[in-house]
Amino acid sequence: MLRLDKLLSYFPFDQPPHVEAYQMYEKLRKVNSREAIGLKNIPYKLIREFACEFSAPDMENIFNYFLKEGKAPLMWMDTTVIPMIPKEKPAIVP
């Protein structure tokens, strides 16, 4: 449970933020689809294509529940970070 009395003093909300389905849709539609693979190996192109379905009222309720409770499923907090090593010289393209 999110304890408002334990939040930092500069936290500006009296209650947790609320996410609307249209806000989720707008963010998902702006995902860069030129990237090949996203989180959990879901292609960004697929996320962008199905933004309407991913931002359905059911998903809105799920996200708002997590914000209200102040925690997310452990599965969502697991990620793999792959560092990118820059090349010393850019590749020459014929």
Protein backbone atom coordinates (compact mmCIF):
# COMPACT_ATOMS: atom_id res chain seq x y z
CA MET A 1 0.00 0.00 0.00
CA LEU A 2 1.31 3.44 -0.91
CA ARG A 3 1.85 5.42 2.28
CA LEU A 4 1.44 9.11 1.49
CA ASP A 5 2.88 10.13 4.86
CA LYS A 6 6.18 8.39 3.95
CA LEU A 7 6.64 10.20 0.63
CA LEU A 8 9.23 12.90 0.25
CA SER A 9 8.06 16.36 1.27
CA TYR A 10 8.36 17.75 -2.25
CA PHE A 11 6.03 15.09 -3.68
CA PRO A 12 3.27 17.30 -5.14
CA PHE A 13 0.30 14.92 -5.06
CA ASP A 14 -2.26 14.39 -2.34
CA GLN A 15 -3.18 11.14 -4.05
CA PRO A 16 -1.40 8.87 -6.54
CA PRO A 17 -1.45 9.88 -10.21
CA HIS A 18 -4.21 8.50 -12.42
CA VAL A 19 -3.56 7.20 -15.92
CA GLU A 20 -6.24 7.51 -18.60
CA ALA A 21 -6.52 5.11 -21.55
CA TYR A 22 -6.03 7.91 -24.08
CA GLN A 23 -2.75 8.91 -22.36
CA MET A 24 -1.47 5.36 -22.66
CA TYR A 25 -2.55 5.26 -26.30
CA GLU A 26 -0.74 8.51 -27.13
CA LYS A 27 2.51 7.30 -25.53
CA LEU A 28 2.37 3.89 -27.21
CA ARG A 29 1.69 5.42 -30.63
CA LYS A 30 4.86 7.51 -30.29
CA VAL A 31 7.13 4.52 -29.63
CA ASN A 32 10.07 4.52 -32.05
CA SER A 33 9.21 1.62 -34.35
CA ARG A 34 12.64 1.74 -36.02
CA GLU A 35 14.12 -0.06 -33.05
CA ALA A 36 14.01 -3.79 -33.64
CA ILE A 37 13.14 -5.32 -30.27
CA GLY A 38 11.62 -3.85 -27.12
CA LEU A 39 11.07 -5.07 -23.61
CA LYS A 40 10.64 -8.81 -23.20
CA ASN A 41 11.48 -9.23 -26.92
CA ILE A 42 8.28 -7.56 -28.09
CA PRO A 43 9.00 -5.61 -31.28
CA TYR A 44 8.32 -1.88 -30.96
CA LYS A 45 6.52 -2.02 -34.29
CA LEU A 46 4.02 -4.44 -32.75
CA ILE A 47 3.53 -2.21 -29.68
CA ARG A 48 2.88 0.78 -31.93
CA GLU A 49 0.52 -1.18 -34.20
CA PHE A 50 -1.59 -2.46 -31.29
CA ALA A 51 -1.48 0.70 -29.15
CA CYS A 52 -5.28 0.82 -29.09
CA GLU A 53 -5.55 -2.71 -27.71
CA PHE A 54 -2.73 -2.18 -25.18
CA SER A 55 -4.43 0.96 -23.88
CA ALA A 56 -7.85 -0.60 -23.37
CA PRO A 57 -9.81 0.26 -20.21
CA ASP A 58 -8.74 -3.05 -18.65
CA MET A 59 -5.07 -2.05 -18.92
CA GLU A 60 -5.94 1.42 -17.60
CA ASN A 61 -7.45 -0.20 -14.49
CA ILE A 62 -4.40 -2.43 -14.01
CA PHE A 63 -1.94 0.48 -14.20
CA ASN A 64 -4.03 2.63 -11.89
CA TYR A 65 -4.22 -0.22 -9.37
CA PHE A 66 -0.41 -0.47 -9.38
CA LEU A 67 -0.07 3.30 -8.91
CA LYS A 68 -2.58 3.23 -6.06
CA GLU A 69 -0.82 0.34 -4.31
CA GLY A 70 2.62 1.80 -4.94
CA LYS A 71 4.11 -1.38 -6.34
CA ALA A 72 4.33 -3.28 -9.61
CA PRO A 73 4.68 -7.00 -10.34
CA LEU A 74 8.22 -8.28 -9.94
CA MET A 75 8.07 -9.57 -13.51
CA TRP A 76 7.77 -5.96 -14.74
CA MET A 77 10.78 -4.87 -12.71
CA ASP A 78 13.14 -7.39 -14.32
CA THR A 79 15.15 -6.15 -17.27
CA THR A 80 18.33 -6.92 -19.14
CA VAL A 81 20.70 -4.06 -19.88
CA ILE A 82 23.00 -4.53 -22.85
CA PRO A 83 25.77 -1.93 -22.95
CA MET A 84 26.60 -0.56 -26.37
CA ILE A 85 30.31 -0.20 -27.09
CA PRO A 86 30.92 2.62 -29.55
CA LYS A 87 33.14 1.89 -32.54
CA GLU A 88 36.38 3.82 -32.76
CA LYS A 89 35.82 4.63 -36.40
CA PRO A 90 32.44 4.64 -38.17
CA ALA A 91 31.95 1.89 -40.70
CA ILE A 92 32.42 2.92 -44.31
CA VAL A 93 29.29 2.31 -46.32
CA PRO A 94 29.91 1.75 -50.07
